PDB file of N, CA and C in Angstrom:
ATOM      1  N   UNK A   1      68.393  -2.652  44.855  1.00  0.00           N
ATOM      2  CA  UNK A   1      69.222  -1.729  44.119  1.00  0.00           C
ATOM      3  C   UNK A   1      68.349  -1.044  42.908  1.00  0.00           C
ATOM      4  N   UNK A   2      67.299  -0.372  43.434  1.00  0.00           N
ATOM      5  CA  UNK A   2      66.335   0.535  42.654  1.00  0.00           C
ATOM      6  C   UNK A   2      66.919   1.707  42.324  1.00  0.00           C
ATOM      7  N   UNK A   3      68.051   1.972  42.676  1.00  0.00           N
ATOM      8  CA  UNK A   3      68.838   3.289  42.355  1.00  0.00           C
ATOM      9  C   UNK A   3      69.598   2.921  40.881  1.00  0.00           C
ATOM     10  N   UNK A   4      69.765   1.904  40.584  1.00  0.00           N
ATOM     11  CA  UNK A   4      70.432   1.516  39.481  1.00  0.00           C
ATOM     12  C   UNK A   4      69.455   0.847  38.409  1.00  0.00           C
ATOM     13  N   UNK A   5      69.776   1.096  37.001  1.00  0.00           N
ATOM     14  CA  UNK A   5      68.934   0.202  36.030  1.00  0.00           C
ATOM     15  C   UNK A   5      69.584  -1.162  36.148  1.00  0.00           C
ATOM     16  N   UNK A   6      68.739  -2.148  35.614  1.00  0.00           N
ATOM     17  CA  UNK A   6      69.399  -3.517  35.551  1.00  0.00           C
ATOM     18  C   UNK A   6      70.548  -3.734  34.803  1.00  0.00           C
ATOM     19  N   UNK A   7      70.572  -2.873  33.802  1.00  0.00           N
ATOM     20  CA  UNK A   7      71.801  -2.942  32.750  1.00  0.00           C
ATOM     21  C   UNK A   7      73.037  -2.261  33.680  1.00  0.00           C
ATOM     22  N   UNK A   8      72.874  -1.377  34.294  1.00  0.00           N
ATOM     23  CA  UNK A   8      74.131  -0.917  35.159  1.00  0.00           C
ATOM     24  C   UNK A   8      74.441  -1.864  36.280  1.00  0.00           C
ATOM     25  N   UNK A   9      73.508  -2.495  36.989  1.00  0.00           N
ATOM     26  CA  UNK A   9      73.908  -3.433  37.715  1.00  0.00           C
ATOM     27  C   UNK A   9      74.649  -4.652  37.263  1.00  0.00           C
ATOM     28  N   UNK A  10      74.171  -4.930  35.996  1.00  0.00           N
ATOM     29  CA  UNK A  10      74.828  -6.190  35.489  1.00  0.00           C
ATOM     30  C   UNK A  10      76.261  -5.783  35.091  1.00  0.00           C
ATOM     31  N   UNK A  11      76.539  -4.583  34.999  1.00  0.00           N
ATOM     32  CA  UNK A  11      77.889  -4.180  34.342  1.00  0.00           C
ATOM     33  C   UNK A  11      78.955  -4.243  35.611  1.00  0.00           C
ATOM     34  N   UNK A  12      78.569  -4.397  36.908  1.00  0.00           N
ATOM     35  CA  UNK A  12      79.660  -4.497  37.981  1.00  0.00           C
ATOM     36  C   UNK A  12      79.418  -5.581  38.859  1.00  0.00           C
ATOM     37  N   UNK A  13      78.409  -6.249  38.686  1.00  0.00           N
ATOM     38  CA  UNK A  13      77.924  -7.462  39.574  1.00  0.00           C
ATOM     39  C   UNK A  13      78.540  -8.777  38.781  1.00  0.00           C
ATOM     40  N   UNK A  14      78.717  -9.717  39.899  1.00  0.00           N
ATOM     41  CA  UNK A  14      78.955 -11.073  39.485  1.00  0.00           C
ATOM     42  C   UNK A  14      77.501 -11.904  39.039  1.00  0.00           C
ATOM     43  N   UNK A  15      77.461 -12.386  38.014  1.00  0.00           N
ATOM     44  CA  UNK A  15      76.294 -12.771  37.476  1.00  0.00           C
ATOM     45  C   UNK A  15      76.087 -14.336  37.069  1.00  0.00           C
ATOM     46  N   UNK A  16      75.020 -15.088  37.694  1.00  0.00           N
ATOM     47  CA  UNK A  16      74.931 -16.450  37.080  1.00  0.00           C
ATOM     48  C   UNK A  16      74.796 -17.332  38.322  1.00  0.00           C
ATOM     49  N   UNK A  17      75.036 -18.662  37.817  1.00  0.00           N
ATOM     50  CA  UNK A  17      74.963 -19.679  38.859  1.00  0.00           C
ATOM     51  C   UNK A  17      76.189 -19.782  39.854  1.00  0.00           C
ATOM     52  N   UNK A  18      76.195 -20.520  40.906  1.00  0.00           N
ATOM     53  CA  UNK A  18      77.353 -20.249  41.755  1.00  0.00           C
ATOM     54  C   UNK A  18      78.684 -20.824  41.007  1.00  0.00           C
ATOM     55  N   UNK A  19      78.536 -21.765  39.900  1.00  0.00           N
ATOM     56  CA  UNK A  19      79.632 -21.944  39.299  1.00  0.00           C
ATOM     57  C   UNK A  19      80.198 -20.947  38.244  1.00  0.00           C
ATOM     58  N   UNK A  20      79.227 -20.142  37.713  1.00  0.00           N
ATOM     59  CA  UNK A  20      79.464 -18.935  36.966  1.00  0.00           C
ATOM     60  C   UNK A  20      80.376 -17.967  37.990  1.00  0.00           C
ATOM     61  N   UNK A  21      79.715 -17.541  38.801  1.00  0.00           N
ATOM     62  CA  UNK A  21      80.297 -16.646  39.883  1.00  0.00           C
ATOM     63  C   UNK A  21      81.852 -17.093  40.276  1.00  0.00           C
ATOM     64  N   UNK A  22      81.826 -18.363  40.798  1.00  0.00           N
ATOM     65  CA  UNK A  22      83.178 -18.788  40.948  1.00  0.00           C
ATOM     66  C   UNK A  22      84.142 -18.504  39.746  1.00  0.00           C
ATOM     67  N   UNK A  23      83.837 -18.944  38.717  1.00  0.00           N
ATOM     68  CA  UNK A  23      84.573 -18.628  37.587  1.00  0.00           C
ATOM     69  C   UNK A  23      85.014 -17.125  37.292  1.00  0.00           C
ATOM     70  N   UNK A  24      84.028 -16.349  37.474  1.00  0.00           N
ATOM     71  CA  UNK A  24      84.264 -15.087  37.366  1.00  0.00           C
ATOM     72  C   UNK A  24      85.258 -14.506  38.640  1.00  0.00           C
ATOM     73  N   UNK A  25      85.146 -15.054  39.769  1.00  0.00           N
ATOM     74  CA  UNK A  25      85.862 -14.595  40.679  1.00  0.00           C
ATOM     75  C   UNK A  25      87.367 -15.122  40.551  1.00  0.00           C
ATOM     76  N   UNK A  26      87.508 -16.420  39.983  1.00  0.00           N
ATOM     77  CA  UNK A  26      88.802 -17.024  39.678  1.00  0.00           C
ATOM     78  C   UNK A  26      89.527 -16.127  38.611  1.00  0.00           C
ATOM     79  N   UNK A  27      88.711 -15.797  37.720  1.00  0.00           N
ATOM     80  CA  UNK A  27      89.493 -14.882  36.606  1.00  0.00           C
ATOM     81  C   UNK A  27      89.793 -13.707  37.111  1.00  0.00           C
ATOM     82  N   UNK A  28      89.092 -13.135  37.868  1.00  0.00           N
ATOM     83  CA  UNK A  28      89.563 -11.624  38.444  1.00  0.00           C
ATOM     84  C   UNK A  28      90.655 -11.813  39.361  1.00  0.00           C
ATOM     85  N   UNK A  29      90.860 -12.866  40.170  1.00  0.00           N
ATOM     86  CA  UNK A  29      91.933 -13.179  41.121  1.00  0.00           C
ATOM     87  C   UNK A  29      93.163 -13.240  40.212  1.00  0.00           C
ATOM     88  N   UNK A  30      93.015 -14.247  39.143  1.00  0.00           N
ATOM     89  CA  UNK A  30      94.200 -14.583  38.319  1.00  0.00           C
ATOM     90  C   UNK A  30      94.735 -13.374  37.570  1.00  0.00           C
ATOM     91  N   UNK A  31      93.809 -12.351  37.357  1.00  0.00           N
ATOM     92  CA  UNK A  31      94.218 -11.302  36.490  1.00  0.00           C
ATOM     93  C   UNK A  31      94.690 -10.007  37.497  1.00  0.00           C
ATOM     94  N   UNK A  32      94.864 -10.550  38.886  1.00  0.00           N
ATOM     95  CA  UNK A  32      95.256  -9.383  39.820  1.00  0.00           C
ATOM     96  C   UNK A  32      94.380  -8.479  40.115  1.00  0.00           C
ATOM     97  N   UNK A  33      93.058  -8.688  40.006  1.00  0.00           N
ATOM     98  CA  UNK A  33      92.195  -7.627  40.125  1.00  0.00           C
ATOM     99  C   UNK A  33      91.722  -7.890  41.784  1.00  0.00           C
ATOM    100  N   UNK A  34      91.922  -6.776  42.577  1.00  0.00           N
ATOM    101  CA  UNK A  34      91.627  -7.023  44.088  1.00  0.00           C
ATOM    102  C   UNK A  34      89.950  -7.066  44.146  1.00  0.00           C
ATOM    103  N   UNK A  35      89.571  -8.126  45.013  1.00  0.00           N
ATOM    104  CA  UNK A  35      88.347  -8.198  45.189  1.00  0.00           C
ATOM    105  C   UNK A  35      87.850  -7.764  46.765  1.00  0.00           C
ATOM    106  N   UNK A  36      87.056  -6.776  46.970  1.00  0.00           N
ATOM    107  CA  UNK A  36      86.563  -6.377  48.378  1.00  0.00           C
ATOM    108  C   UNK A  36      85.429  -6.749  48.620  1.00  0.00           C
ATOM    109  N   UNK A  37      84.458  -6.638  47.793  1.00  0.00           N
ATOM    110  CA  UNK A  37      82.995  -6.781  47.935  1.00  0.00           C
ATOM    111  C   UNK A  37      82.485  -7.789  46.844  1.00  0.00           C
ATOM    112  N   UNK A  38      81.624  -8.723  47.027  1.00  0.00           N
ATOM    113  CA  UNK A  38      80.965  -9.537  46.270  1.00  0.00           C
ATOM    114  C   UNK A  38      79.428  -9.290  46.144  1.00  0.00           C
ATOM    115  N   UNK A  39      79.101  -8.803  44.888  1.00  0.00           N
ATOM    116  CA  UNK A  39      77.555  -8.555  44.812  1.00  0.00           C
ATOM    117  C   UNK A  39      76.992  -9.471  43.683  1.00  0.00           C
ATOM    118  N   UNK A  40      76.398 -10.449  44.068  1.00  0.00           N
ATOM    119  CA  UNK A  40      75.753 -11.250  43.176  1.00  0.00           C
ATOM    120  C   UNK A  40      74.534 -10.709  42.418  1.00  0.00           C
ATOM    121  N   UNK A  41      74.212 -11.158  41.329  1.00  0.00           N
ATOM    122  CA  UNK A  41      73.096 -10.503  40.595  1.00  0.00           C
ATOM    123  C   UNK A  41      72.361 -11.691  39.917  1.00  0.00           C
ATOM    124  N   UNK A  42      71.115 -11.932  40.108  1.00  0.00           N
ATOM    125  CA  UNK A  42      70.132 -11.309  40.857  1.00  0.00           C
ATOM    126  C   UNK A  42      70.252 -11.355  42.329  1.00  0.00           C
ATOM    127  N   UNK A  43      69.996 -10.528  43.091  1.00  0.00           N
ATOM    128  CA  UNK A  43      69.982 -10.478  44.454  1.00  0.00           C
ATOM    129  C   UNK A  43      68.886 -11.664  45.176  1.00  0.00           C
ATOM    130  N   UNK A  44      69.289 -12.454  46.026  1.00  0.00           N
ATOM    131  CA  UNK A  44      68.332 -13.288  46.661  1.00  0.00           C
ATOM    132  C   UNK A  44      67.794 -12.355  47.698  1.00  0.00           C
ATOM    133  N   UNK A  45      66.392 -12.429  47.638  1.00  0.00           N
ATOM    134  CA  UNK A  45      65.446 -11.858  48.527  1.00  0.00           C
ATOM    135  C   UNK A  45      65.710 -12.599  50.010  1.00  0.00           C
ATOM    136  N   UNK A  46      65.727 -11.614  51.051  1.00  0.00           N
ATOM    137  CA  UNK A  46      65.663 -12.345  52.450  1.00  0.00           C
ATOM    138  C   UNK A  46      64.607 -13.253  52.842  1.00  0.00           C
ATOM    139  N   UNK A  47      63.438 -13.063  52.331  1.00  0.00           N
ATOM    140  CA  UNK A  47      62.248 -13.822  52.694  1.00  0.00           C
ATOM    141  C   UNK A  47      62.196 -15.108  52.165  1.00  0.00           C
ATOM    142  N   UNK A  48      62.993 -15.400  51.116  1.00  0.00           N
ATOM    143  CA  UNK A  48      63.065 -16.660  50.441  1.00  0.00           C
ATOM    144  C   UNK A  48      63.565 -17.881  51.080  1.00  0.00           C
ATOM    145  N   UNK A  49      64.126 -17.625  52.303  1.00  0.00           N
ATOM    146  CA  UNK A  49      64.397 -18.885  53.069  1.00  0.00           C
ATOM    147  C   UNK A  49      65.828 -19.456  52.494  1.00  0.00           C
ATOM    148  N   UNK A  50      66.571 -18.820  51.664  1.00  0.00           N
ATOM    149  CA  UNK A  50      67.869 -19.224  50.896  1.00  0.00           C
ATOM    150  C   UNK A  50      68.801 -18.620  51.859  1.00  0.00           C
ATOM    151  N   UNK A  51      69.796 -19.468  52.351  1.00  0.00           N
ATOM    152  CA  UNK A  51      71.054 -18.882  52.862  1.00  0.00           C
ATOM    153  C   UNK A  51      71.963 -18.733  51.851  1.00  0.00           C
ATOM    154  N   UNK A  52      71.948 -17.848  51.179  1.00  0.00           N
ATOM    155  CA  UNK A  52      72.975 -17.526  49.991  1.00  0.00           C
ATOM    156  C   UNK A  52      74.345 -17.653  50.281  1.00  0.00           C
ATOM    157  N   UNK A  53      74.670 -16.965  51.405  1.00  0.00           N
ATOM    158  CA  UNK A  53      76.094 -17.120  51.881  1.00  0.00           C
ATOM    159  C   UNK A  53      76.700 -18.435  52.013  1.00  0.00           C
ATOM    160  N   UNK A  54      75.941 -19.192  52.876  1.00  0.00           N
ATOM    161  CA  UNK A  54      76.242 -20.654  52.963  1.00  0.00           C
ATOM    162  C   UNK A  54      76.231 -21.464  51.847  1.00  0.00           C
ATOM    163  N   UNK A  55      75.214 -21.088  51.036  1.00  0.00           N
ATOM    164  CA  UNK A  55      75.063 -22.104  49.801  1.00  0.00           C
ATOM    165  C   UNK A  55      76.152 -21.665  48.901  1.00  0.00           C
ATOM    166  N   UNK A  56      76.575 -20.467  48.710  1.00  0.00           N
ATOM    167  CA  UNK A  56      77.590 -20.032  47.794  1.00  0.00           C
ATOM    168  C   UNK A  56      78.969 -20.472  48.276  1.00  0.00           C
ATOM    169  N   UNK A  57      79.211 -20.526  49.518  1.00  0.00           N
ATOM    170  CA  UNK A  57      80.456 -20.901  50.164  1.00  0.00           C
ATOM    171  C   UNK A  57      80.644 -22.306  49.757  1.00  0.00           C
ATOM    172  N   UNK A  58      79.569 -23.099  50.229  1.00  0.00           N
ATOM    173  CA  UNK A  58      79.722 -24.562  49.920  1.00  0.00           C
ATOM    174  C   UNK A  58      79.901 -24.868  48.467  1.00  0.00           C
ATOM    175  N   UNK A  59      79.217 -24.221  47.595  1.00  0.00           N
ATOM    176  CA  UNK A  59      79.335 -24.481  46.109  1.00  0.00           C
ATOM    177  C   UNK A  59      80.686 -23.991  45.742  1.00  0.00           C
ATOM    178  N   UNK A  60      80.992 -22.809  46.011  1.00  0.00           N
ATOM    179  CA  UNK A  60      82.031 -22.083  45.393  1.00  0.00           C
ATOM    180  C   UNK A  60      83.506 -22.779  45.800  1.00  0.00           C
ATOM    181  N   UNK A  61      83.537 -23.326  47.073  1.00  0.00           N
ATOM    182  CA  UNK A  61      84.573 -23.898  47.569  1.00  0.00           C
ATOM    183  C   UNK A  61      84.782 -25.345  46.806  1.00  0.00           C
ATOM    184  N   UNK A  62      83.681 -26.067  46.839  1.00  0.00           N
ATOM    185  CA  UNK A  62      83.605 -27.323  46.073  1.00  0.00           C
ATOM    186  C   UNK A  62      84.273 -27.352  44.639  1.00  0.00           C
ATOM    187  N   UNK A  63      84.122 -26.118  43.883  1.00  0.00           N
ATOM    188  CA  UNK A  63      84.450 -25.915  42.666  1.00  0.00           C
ATOM    189  C   UNK A  63      85.806 -25.264  42.537  1.00  0.00           C
ATOM    190  N   UNK A  64      86.472 -24.808  43.423  1.00  0.00           N
ATOM    191  CA  UNK A  64      87.735 -24.069  43.742  1.00  0.00           C
ATOM    192  C   UNK A  64      88.843 -24.866  43.360  1.00  0.00           C
TER     193      UNK A  64
END
């Protein structure tokens, strides 16, 4: 996201650990805010070997 400053990205991205992001999503859904796309911040780089989607799904559903 080089087209945005870090501050701008932080304003609309879900931020923090898996637990933090899960809580942010829960709060948004409970407030009736529709969620179409989830953008975590900071982004995990593809070459790190981390399967962010799988790891997030496992952690988020465990805490839901």
